[in-house]
Amino acid sequence: MDRVPLLTGTQGLRQGDRFTVTAEGLLVGRDLSCTVRIDDAGVSREHARVFLHNASIWVQDAGSRNGVYVNGKRILRPKTVSPGDDIRVGDHSFTIELVEPGQEPGELPPPPRDGLQSSPTLDSGATQEMSALQPPGAPKGVVALAILFIMLTGLGVALAIR
């Protein structure tokens, strides 16, 4: 993916806010630990996750009580989404945008509104650093996935030794 995917609020408390979607993903919910925090009783503590996998953008219900909807249909398992798709969490809607590198949100999140808080998103400097690690012609995210695989393999070995 040459362009950077963003989760953009289109309706509700997060309207206009933009978050960079990464392989680690964005957690959407009421909990303070969520990347996209929505202080609304209709939103579960950990409601949804939006993440990159195999060069696709995915949305997953994180066990919410009210469900996650993509283009008006409730999803029961992780689903790929495309730019322009409507992602609904409670009374709040989001869409996916693809922007050129350097146009994604900056290092600091947008100022909180009505007691909302959010975690910082990936800044363009970090994106450029990660891009420098990739071999020429490699799809974006390959290095991050390789590092994650190595870390998980090491964890598995450490647990097996116990």
N, C-alpha and C. Protein backbone atom coordinates (compact mmCIF):
# COMPACT_ATOMS: atom_id res chain seq x y z
N MET A 1 0.85 -1.17 0.00
CA MET A 1 0.00 0.00 0.00
C MET A 1 0.90 1.23 0.00
N ASP A 2 0.88 2.00 -1.08
CA ASP A 2 1.72 3.19 -1.16
C ASP A 2 1.15 4.34 -0.36
N ARG A 3 -0.14 4.40 -0.27
CA ARG A 3 -0.77 5.48 0.49
C ARG A 3 -1.06 5.02 1.91
N VAL A 4 -1.23 5.98 2.80
CA VAL A 4 -1.43 5.71 4.22
C VAL A 4 -2.93 5.66 4.52
N PRO A 5 -3.42 4.57 5.15
CA PRO A 5 -4.84 4.51 5.48
C PRO A 5 -5.16 5.25 6.78
N LEU A 6 -6.24 6.01 6.75
CA LEU A 6 -6.71 6.74 7.92
C LEU A 6 -8.13 6.33 8.25
N LEU A 7 -8.44 6.23 9.54
CA LEU A 7 -9.80 6.07 10.01
C LEU A 7 -10.28 7.48 10.32
N THR A 8 -11.34 7.93 9.65
CA THR A 8 -11.82 9.30 9.79
C THR A 8 -13.25 9.31 10.32
N GLY A 9 -13.48 10.06 11.39
CA GLY A 9 -14.81 10.18 11.95
C GLY A 9 -15.70 10.99 11.02
N THR A 10 -16.87 10.44 10.68
CA THR A 10 -17.79 11.13 9.78
C THR A 10 -19.08 11.56 10.47
N GLN A 11 -19.37 10.95 11.63
CA GLN A 11 -20.59 11.30 12.37
C GLN A 11 -20.41 10.94 13.83
N GLY A 12 -20.88 11.78 14.72
CA GLY A 12 -20.78 11.51 16.15
C GLY A 12 -19.69 12.34 16.81
N LEU A 13 -19.29 11.91 18.02
CA LEU A 13 -18.33 12.68 18.81
C LEU A 13 -16.95 12.80 18.17
N ARG A 14 -16.59 11.89 17.29
CA ARG A 14 -15.27 11.91 16.66
C ARG A 14 -15.29 12.45 15.24
N GLN A 15 -16.38 13.10 14.84
CA GLN A 15 -16.49 13.63 13.49
C GLN A 15 -15.31 14.56 13.20
N GLY A 16 -14.64 14.31 12.08
CA GLY A 16 -13.51 15.13 11.65
C GLY A 16 -12.17 14.66 12.18
N ASP A 17 -12.15 13.80 13.19
CA ASP A 17 -10.88 13.29 13.73
C ASP A 17 -10.33 12.21 12.80
N ARG A 18 -9.00 12.17 12.67
CA ARG A 18 -8.34 11.22 11.76
C ARG A 18 -7.26 10.46 12.52
N PHE A 19 -7.21 9.14 12.30
CA PHE A 19 -6.25 8.28 12.98
C PHE A 19 -5.58 7.37 11.96
N THR A 20 -4.26 7.26 12.03
CA THR A 20 -3.52 6.41 11.12
C THR A 20 -3.74 4.94 11.48
N VAL A 21 -4.13 4.14 10.51
CA VAL A 21 -4.34 2.70 10.71
C VAL A 21 -2.99 2.01 10.52
N THR A 22 -2.61 1.17 11.49
CA THR A 22 -1.33 0.46 11.44
C THR A 22 -1.57 -1.04 11.57
N ALA A 23 -0.51 -1.82 11.44
CA ALA A 23 -0.62 -3.27 11.62
C ALA A 23 -1.03 -3.60 13.05
N GLU A 24 -0.58 -2.80 14.02
CA GLU A 24 -0.96 -3.03 15.42
C GLU A 24 -2.44 -2.72 15.61
N GLY A 25 -2.95 -1.83 14.83
CA GLY A 25 -4.36 -1.52 14.84
C GLY A 25 -4.76 -0.38 15.76
N LEU A 26 -5.97 0.06 15.55
CA LEU A 26 -6.60 1.08 16.38
C LEU A 26 -7.71 0.40 17.17
N LEU A 27 -7.72 0.60 18.46
CA LEU A 27 -8.79 0.06 19.29
C LEU A 27 -9.79 1.19 19.53
N VAL A 28 -11.05 0.93 19.21
CA VAL A 28 -12.12 1.91 19.35
C VAL A 28 -13.01 1.50 20.52
N GLY A 29 -13.23 2.42 21.46
CA GLY A 29 -14.10 2.10 22.58
C GLY A 29 -14.09 3.18 23.64
N ARG A 30 -14.73 2.86 24.79
CA ARG A 30 -14.86 3.81 25.90
C ARG A 30 -13.65 3.80 26.82
N ASP A 31 -12.91 2.71 26.86
CA ASP A 31 -11.81 2.56 27.82
C ASP A 31 -10.70 3.58 27.55
N LEU A 32 -10.06 4.02 28.63
CA LEU A 32 -8.97 4.99 28.51
C LEU A 32 -7.81 4.46 27.67
N SER A 33 -7.67 3.14 27.58
CA SER A 33 -6.56 2.56 26.82
C SER A 33 -6.83 2.55 25.31
N CYS A 34 -8.03 2.87 24.88
CA CYS A 34 -8.37 2.83 23.45
C CYS A 34 -7.70 3.97 22.69
N THR A 35 -7.27 3.66 21.49
CA THR A 35 -6.65 4.67 20.62
C THR A 35 -7.69 5.70 20.19
N VAL A 36 -8.88 5.22 19.85
CA VAL A 36 -9.99 6.09 19.46
C VAL A 36 -11.02 5.98 20.58
N ARG A 37 -10.97 6.93 21.50
CA ARG A 37 -11.83 6.87 22.69
C ARG A 37 -13.12 7.63 22.43
N ILE A 38 -14.25 6.94 22.72
CA ILE A 38 -15.57 7.54 22.56
C ILE A 38 -16.30 7.37 23.88
N ASP A 39 -16.51 8.46 24.59
CA ASP A 39 -17.17 8.43 25.88
C ASP A 39 -18.68 8.45 25.67
N ASP A 40 -19.25 7.26 25.42
CA ASP A 40 -20.66 7.12 25.12
C ASP A 40 -21.12 5.76 25.65
N ALA A 41 -22.22 5.72 26.40
CA ALA A 41 -22.72 4.48 26.99
C ALA A 41 -23.08 3.43 25.94
N GLY A 42 -23.37 3.84 24.71
CA GLY A 42 -23.70 2.90 23.64
C GLY A 42 -22.48 2.24 23.02
N VAL A 43 -21.30 2.61 23.48
CA VAL A 43 -20.04 2.07 22.96
C VAL A 43 -19.40 1.23 24.06
N SER A 44 -19.01 0.01 23.75
CA SER A 44 -18.37 -0.88 24.73
C SER A 44 -16.99 -0.38 25.09
N ARG A 45 -16.46 -0.87 26.22
CA ARG A 45 -15.11 -0.46 26.63
C ARG A 45 -14.11 -0.70 25.51
N GLU A 46 -14.14 -1.89 24.94
CA GLU A 46 -13.34 -2.22 23.76
C GLU A 46 -14.33 -2.69 22.71
N HIS A 47 -14.68 -1.82 21.81
CA HIS A 47 -15.79 -2.07 20.89
C HIS A 47 -15.33 -2.68 19.56
N ALA A 48 -14.32 -2.09 18.94
CA ALA A 48 -13.88 -2.52 17.61
C ALA A 48 -12.39 -2.33 17.45
N ARG A 49 -11.83 -3.04 16.49
CA ARG A 49 -10.41 -2.89 16.15
C ARG A 49 -10.32 -2.72 14.64
N VAL A 50 -9.52 -1.75 14.21
CA VAL A 50 -9.27 -1.51 12.78
C VAL A 50 -7.77 -1.66 12.60
N PHE A 51 -7.34 -2.53 11.66
CA PHE A 51 -5.92 -2.84 11.53
C PHE A 51 -5.56 -3.23 10.10
N LEU A 52 -4.26 -3.24 9.83
CA LEU A 52 -3.73 -3.67 8.53
C LEU A 52 -3.27 -5.12 8.65
N HIS A 53 -3.57 -5.91 7.62
CA HIS A 53 -3.09 -7.29 7.56
C HIS A 53 -3.07 -7.71 6.10
N ASN A 54 -1.95 -8.28 5.65
CA ASN A 54 -1.80 -8.74 4.27
C ASN A 54 -2.18 -7.66 3.25
N ALA A 55 -1.71 -6.45 3.48
CA ALA A 55 -1.92 -5.30 2.59
C ALA A 55 -3.40 -4.94 2.44
N SER A 56 -4.22 -5.34 3.41
CA SER A 56 -5.64 -4.97 3.42
C SER A 56 -5.98 -4.29 4.74
N ILE A 57 -7.07 -3.55 4.73
CA ILE A 57 -7.56 -2.89 5.93
C ILE A 57 -8.72 -3.73 6.45
N TRP A 58 -8.67 -4.05 7.73
CA TRP A 58 -9.67 -4.93 8.35
C TRP A 58 -10.35 -4.22 9.50
N VAL A 59 -11.62 -4.58 9.75
CA VAL A 59 -12.33 -4.15 10.95
C VAL A 59 -12.84 -5.42 11.64
N GLN A 60 -12.80 -5.38 12.97
CA GLN A 60 -13.18 -6.54 13.76
C GLN A 60 -13.98 -6.08 14.98
N ASP A 61 -15.07 -6.76 15.28
CA ASP A 61 -15.82 -6.50 16.51
C ASP A 61 -14.97 -7.06 17.64
N ALA A 62 -14.72 -6.24 18.67
CA ALA A 62 -13.87 -6.66 19.79
C ALA A 62 -14.70 -7.24 20.93
N GLY A 63 -15.87 -7.80 20.61
CA GLY A 63 -16.73 -8.37 21.63
C GLY A 63 -17.74 -7.38 22.17
N SER A 64 -18.14 -6.42 21.37
CA SER A 64 -19.07 -5.39 21.82
C SER A 64 -20.47 -5.95 22.00
N ARG A 65 -21.27 -5.27 22.83
CA ARG A 65 -22.65 -5.73 23.02
C ARG A 65 -23.57 -5.20 21.92
N ASN A 66 -23.25 -4.07 21.32
CA ASN A 66 -24.12 -3.48 20.31
C ASN A 66 -23.66 -3.71 18.88
N GLY A 67 -22.52 -4.36 18.70
CA GLY A 67 -22.07 -4.72 17.37
C GLY A 67 -21.35 -3.63 16.61
N VAL A 68 -20.72 -4.05 15.52
CA VAL A 68 -20.02 -3.17 14.59
C VAL A 68 -20.68 -3.41 13.24
N TYR A 69 -20.95 -2.32 12.53
CA TYR A 69 -21.64 -2.41 11.24
C TYR A 69 -20.75 -1.84 10.15
N VAL A 70 -20.69 -2.54 9.02
CA VAL A 70 -19.98 -2.06 7.84
C VAL A 70 -21.01 -1.94 6.73
N ASN A 71 -21.17 -0.71 6.24
CA ASN A 71 -22.17 -0.42 5.20
C ASN A 71 -23.56 -0.92 5.58
N GLY A 72 -23.91 -0.75 6.86
CA GLY A 72 -25.25 -1.09 7.33
C GLY A 72 -25.45 -2.53 7.76
N LYS A 73 -24.45 -3.40 7.57
CA LYS A 73 -24.59 -4.81 7.93
C LYS A 73 -23.69 -5.14 9.11
N ARG A 74 -24.25 -5.81 10.12
CA ARG A 74 -23.47 -6.19 11.29
C ARG A 74 -22.44 -7.25 10.89
N ILE A 75 -21.22 -7.08 11.37
CA ILE A 75 -20.18 -8.06 11.07
C ILE A 75 -20.03 -9.01 12.26
N LEU A 76 -19.81 -10.27 11.96
CA LEU A 76 -19.65 -11.29 12.99
C LEU A 76 -18.22 -11.79 13.09
N ARG A 77 -17.43 -11.51 12.07
CA ARG A 77 -16.01 -11.89 12.06
C ARG A 77 -15.24 -10.77 11.36
N PRO A 78 -13.91 -10.77 11.48
CA PRO A 78 -13.13 -9.70 10.83
C PRO A 78 -13.49 -9.57 9.35
N LYS A 79 -13.57 -8.34 8.89
CA LYS A 79 -13.98 -8.07 7.51
C LYS A 79 -13.05 -7.03 6.90
N THR A 80 -12.69 -7.24 5.65
CA THR A 80 -11.90 -6.23 4.95
C THR A 80 -12.80 -5.05 4.59
N VAL A 81 -12.22 -3.87 4.65
CA VAL A 81 -12.94 -2.66 4.28
C VAL A 81 -12.13 -1.89 3.25
N SER A 82 -12.82 -1.07 2.50
CA SER A 82 -12.21 -0.27 1.44
C SER A 82 -12.45 1.21 1.71
N PRO A 83 -11.66 2.07 1.08
CA PRO A 83 -11.91 3.50 1.23
C PRO A 83 -13.36 3.83 0.87
N GLY A 84 -13.98 4.65 1.72
CA GLY A 84 -15.36 5.05 1.49
C GLY A 84 -16.38 4.19 2.21
N ASP A 85 -16.00 2.98 2.67
CA ASP A 85 -16.95 2.15 3.41
C ASP A 85 -17.34 2.85 4.71
N ASP A 86 -18.60 2.65 5.13
CA ASP A 86 -19.11 3.23 6.37
C ASP A 86 -18.93 2.21 7.49
N ILE A 87 -18.21 2.59 8.54
CA ILE A 87 -17.99 1.74 9.72
C ILE A 87 -18.74 2.40 10.87
N ARG A 88 -19.68 1.67 11.46
CA ARG A 88 -20.53 2.25 12.51
C ARG A 88 -20.29 1.55 13.84
N VAL A 89 -20.04 2.38 14.86
CA VAL A 89 -19.83 1.93 16.24
C VAL A 89 -20.82 2.73 17.08
N GLY A 90 -21.89 2.08 17.56
CA GLY A 90 -22.93 2.81 18.27
C GLY A 90 -23.53 3.86 17.35
N ASP A 91 -23.61 5.09 17.81
CA ASP A 91 -24.15 6.20 17.01
C ASP A 91 -23.04 6.97 16.29
N HIS A 92 -21.88 6.38 16.15
CA HIS A 92 -20.71 7.06 15.59
C HIS A 92 -20.26 6.35 14.31
N SER A 93 -20.00 7.13 13.28
CA SER A 93 -19.58 6.57 12.00
C SER A 93 -18.17 7.01 11.64
N PHE A 94 -17.50 6.12 10.93
CA PHE A 94 -16.14 6.35 10.45
C PHE A 94 -16.05 5.86 9.02
N THR A 95 -15.05 6.34 8.32
CA THR A 95 -14.74 5.83 6.99
C THR A 95 -13.24 5.68 6.87
N ILE A 96 -12.82 4.98 5.84
CA ILE A 96 -11.39 4.82 5.56
C ILE A 96 -11.02 5.76 4.43
N GLU A 97 -9.92 6.48 4.62
CA GLU A 97 -9.36 7.34 3.58
C GLU A 97 -7.95 6.85 3.29
N LEU A 98 -7.49 7.01 2.08
CA LEU A 98 -6.09 6.77 1.75
C LEU A 98 -5.47 8.10 1.38
N VAL A 99 -4.37 8.45 2.04
CA VAL A 99 -3.71 9.73 1.77
C VAL A 99 -2.25 9.48 1.42
N GLU A 100 -1.66 10.44 0.76
CA GLU A 100 -0.25 10.35 0.41
C GLU A 100 0.58 10.44 1.69
N PRO A 101 1.73 9.74 1.75
CA PRO A 101 2.59 9.85 2.94
C PRO A 101 2.91 11.31 3.23
N GLY A 102 2.90 11.66 4.49
CA GLY A 102 3.14 13.04 4.90
C GLY A 102 1.86 13.81 5.10
N GLN A 103 0.72 13.29 4.63
CA GLN A 103 -0.56 13.96 4.83
C GLN A 103 -1.33 13.37 6.01
N GLU A 104 -0.78 12.31 6.63
CA GLU A 104 -1.49 11.70 7.75
C GLU A 104 -1.40 12.60 8.98
N PRO A 105 -2.19 12.31 10.02
CA PRO A 105 -2.19 13.16 11.21
C PRO A 105 -0.79 13.32 11.79
N GLY A 106 -0.56 14.44 12.44
CA GLY A 106 0.74 14.71 13.05
C GLY A 106 0.97 13.90 14.31
N GLU A 107 2.02 14.24 15.02
CA GLU A 107 2.42 13.50 16.20
C GLU A 107 1.41 13.64 17.34
N LEU A 108 0.77 14.78 17.46
CA LEU A 108 -0.17 15.01 18.55
C LEU A 108 -1.59 14.76 18.07
N PRO A 109 -2.44 14.16 18.95
CA PRO A 109 -3.82 13.94 18.57
C PRO A 109 -4.59 15.26 18.54
N PRO A 110 -5.77 15.26 17.93
CA PRO A 110 -6.57 16.48 17.95
C PRO A 110 -6.95 16.82 19.38
N PRO A 111 -7.21 18.10 19.68
CA PRO A 111 -7.56 18.47 21.04
C PRO A 111 -8.83 17.75 21.48
N PRO A 112 -8.90 17.32 22.77
CA PRO A 112 -10.10 16.63 23.25
C PRO A 112 -11.32 17.54 23.19
N ARG A 113 -12.47 16.92 22.85
CA ARG A 113 -13.74 17.63 22.84
C ARG A 113 -14.68 16.92 23.81
N ASP A 114 -15.38 17.66 24.62
CA ASP A 114 -16.35 17.11 25.56
C ASP A 114 -15.76 15.99 26.40
N GLY A 115 -14.55 16.18 26.93
CA GLY A 115 -13.95 15.19 27.80
C GLY A 115 -13.34 14.00 27.07
N LEU A 116 -13.25 14.06 25.75
CA LEU A 116 -12.67 12.95 24.99
C LEU A 116 -11.16 13.00 25.08
N GLN A 117 -10.56 11.84 25.06
CA GLN A 117 -9.11 11.75 25.01
C GLN A 117 -8.75 10.79 23.90
N SER A 118 -7.57 10.95 23.34
CA SER A 118 -7.12 9.98 22.35
C SER A 118 -5.62 9.82 22.48
N SER A 119 -5.16 8.70 22.00
CA SER A 119 -3.73 8.42 22.01
C SER A 119 -3.13 8.96 20.73
N PRO A 120 -1.83 9.24 20.74
CA PRO A 120 -1.21 9.75 19.52
C PRO A 120 -1.25 8.70 18.41
N THR A 121 -1.29 9.19 17.18
CA THR A 121 -1.23 8.30 16.03
C THR A 121 0.19 8.31 15.51
N LEU A 122 0.47 7.41 14.59
CA LEU A 122 1.80 7.30 14.00
C LEU A 122 2.10 8.57 13.23
N ASP A 123 3.23 9.19 13.53
CA ASP A 123 3.56 10.43 12.84
C ASP A 123 4.34 10.13 11.56
N SER A 124 4.45 11.15 10.71
CA SER A 124 5.09 10.94 9.42
C SER A 124 6.57 10.62 9.58
N GLY A 125 7.21 11.12 10.62
CA GLY A 125 8.62 10.80 10.85
C GLY A 125 8.81 9.31 11.10
N ALA A 126 7.92 8.72 11.92
CA ALA A 126 8.00 7.29 12.20
C ALA A 126 7.72 6.50 10.93
N THR A 127 6.77 6.98 10.11
CA THR A 127 6.46 6.29 8.87
C THR A 127 7.68 6.29 7.96
N GLN A 128 8.39 7.42 7.87
CA GLN A 128 9.57 7.49 7.03
C GLN A 128 10.67 6.59 7.57
N GLU A 129 10.83 6.52 8.93
CA GLU A 129 11.84 5.64 9.50
C GLU A 129 11.55 4.19 9.17
N MET A 130 10.27 3.78 9.28
CA MET A 130 9.90 2.41 8.97
C MET A 130 10.12 2.11 7.49
N SER A 131 9.81 3.10 6.63
CA SER A 131 10.01 2.90 5.20
C SER A 131 11.48 2.71 4.86
N ALA A 132 12.36 3.38 5.61
CA ALA A 132 13.79 3.26 5.34
C ALA A 132 14.29 1.85 5.65
N LEU A 133 13.62 1.12 6.53
CA LEU A 133 14.01 -0.23 6.89
C LEU A 133 13.62 -1.26 5.85
N GLN A 134 12.68 -0.93 4.98
CA GLN A 134 12.16 -1.89 4.02
C GLN A 134 13.08 -2.04 2.82
N PRO A 135 13.25 -3.28 2.38
CA PRO A 135 14.01 -3.48 1.14
C PRO A 135 13.25 -2.86 -0.03
N PRO A 136 13.96 -2.39 -1.06
CA PRO A 136 13.27 -1.80 -2.21
C PRO A 136 12.29 -2.80 -2.82
N GLY A 137 11.12 -2.34 -3.15
CA GLY A 137 10.11 -3.19 -3.78
C GLY A 137 9.30 -4.02 -2.81
N ALA A 138 9.65 -4.03 -1.53
CA ALA A 138 8.89 -4.81 -0.55
C ALA A 138 7.59 -4.08 -0.22
N PRO A 139 6.49 -4.84 -0.07
CA PRO A 139 5.24 -4.18 0.32
C PRO A 139 5.37 -3.55 1.69
N LYS A 140 4.69 -2.42 1.88
CA LYS A 140 4.74 -1.74 3.18
C LYS A 140 4.22 -2.68 4.25
N GLY A 141 4.83 -2.62 5.40
CA GLY A 141 4.39 -3.44 6.52
C GLY A 141 5.11 -4.76 6.64
N VAL A 142 5.88 -5.16 5.61
CA VAL A 142 6.57 -6.45 5.65
C VAL A 142 7.58 -6.48 6.78
N VAL A 143 8.33 -5.41 6.95
CA VAL A 143 9.33 -5.36 8.01
C VAL A 143 8.65 -5.44 9.37
N ALA A 144 7.57 -4.69 9.56
CA ALA A 144 6.85 -4.71 10.83
C ALA A 144 6.30 -6.10 11.12
N LEU A 145 5.76 -6.75 10.09
CA LEU A 145 5.24 -8.10 10.29
C LEU A 145 6.36 -9.09 10.59
N ALA A 146 7.51 -8.92 9.95
CA ALA A 146 8.64 -9.80 10.22
C ALA A 146 9.13 -9.64 11.65
N ILE A 147 9.20 -8.41 12.12
CA ILE A 147 9.62 -8.15 13.50
C ILE A 147 8.61 -8.75 14.47
N LEU A 148 7.33 -8.59 14.20
CA LEU A 148 6.28 -9.16 15.05
C LEU A 148 6.40 -10.69 15.07
N PHE A 149 6.63 -11.30 13.93
CA PHE A 149 6.78 -12.76 13.85
C PHE A 149 7.98 -13.22 14.68
N ILE A 150 9.09 -12.51 14.57
CA ILE A 150 10.30 -12.87 15.33
C ILE A 150 10.03 -12.75 16.83
N MET A 151 9.35 -11.68 17.23
CA MET A 151 9.04 -11.48 18.65
C MET A 151 8.12 -12.59 19.16
N LEU A 152 7.11 -12.95 18.39
CA LEU A 152 6.18 -14.00 18.81
C LEU A 152 6.87 -15.36 18.85
N THR A 153 7.75 -15.62 17.90
CA THR A 153 8.51 -16.87 17.90
C THR A 153 9.39 -16.95 19.13
N GLY A 154 10.06 -15.85 19.48
CA GLY A 154 10.89 -15.82 20.68
C GLY A 154 10.07 -16.03 21.93
N LEU A 155 8.89 -15.47 21.98
CA LEU A 155 8.00 -15.66 23.12
C LEU A 155 7.58 -17.12 23.23
N GLY A 156 7.27 -17.72 22.09
CA GLY A 156 6.90 -19.13 22.08
C GLY A 156 8.03 -20.01 22.58
N VAL A 157 9.25 -19.73 22.16
CA VAL A 157 10.41 -20.50 22.60
C VAL A 157 10.60 -20.32 24.10
N ALA A 158 10.48 -19.08 24.58
CA ALA A 158 10.66 -18.80 26.01
C ALA A 158 9.62 -19.55 26.84
N LEU A 159 8.39 -19.60 26.36
CA LEU A 159 7.35 -20.30 27.09
C LEU A 159 7.57 -21.82 27.05
N ALA A 160 8.08 -22.32 25.94
CA ALA A 160 8.34 -23.76 25.81
C ALA A 160 9.46 -24.20 26.73
N ILE A 161 10.44 -23.33 26.98
CA ILE A 161 11.56 -23.67 27.84
C ILE A 161 11.11 -23.81 29.28
N ARG A 162 10.14 -23.03 29.69
CA ARG A 162 9.63 -23.10 31.06
C ARG A 162 9.11 -24.46 31.28
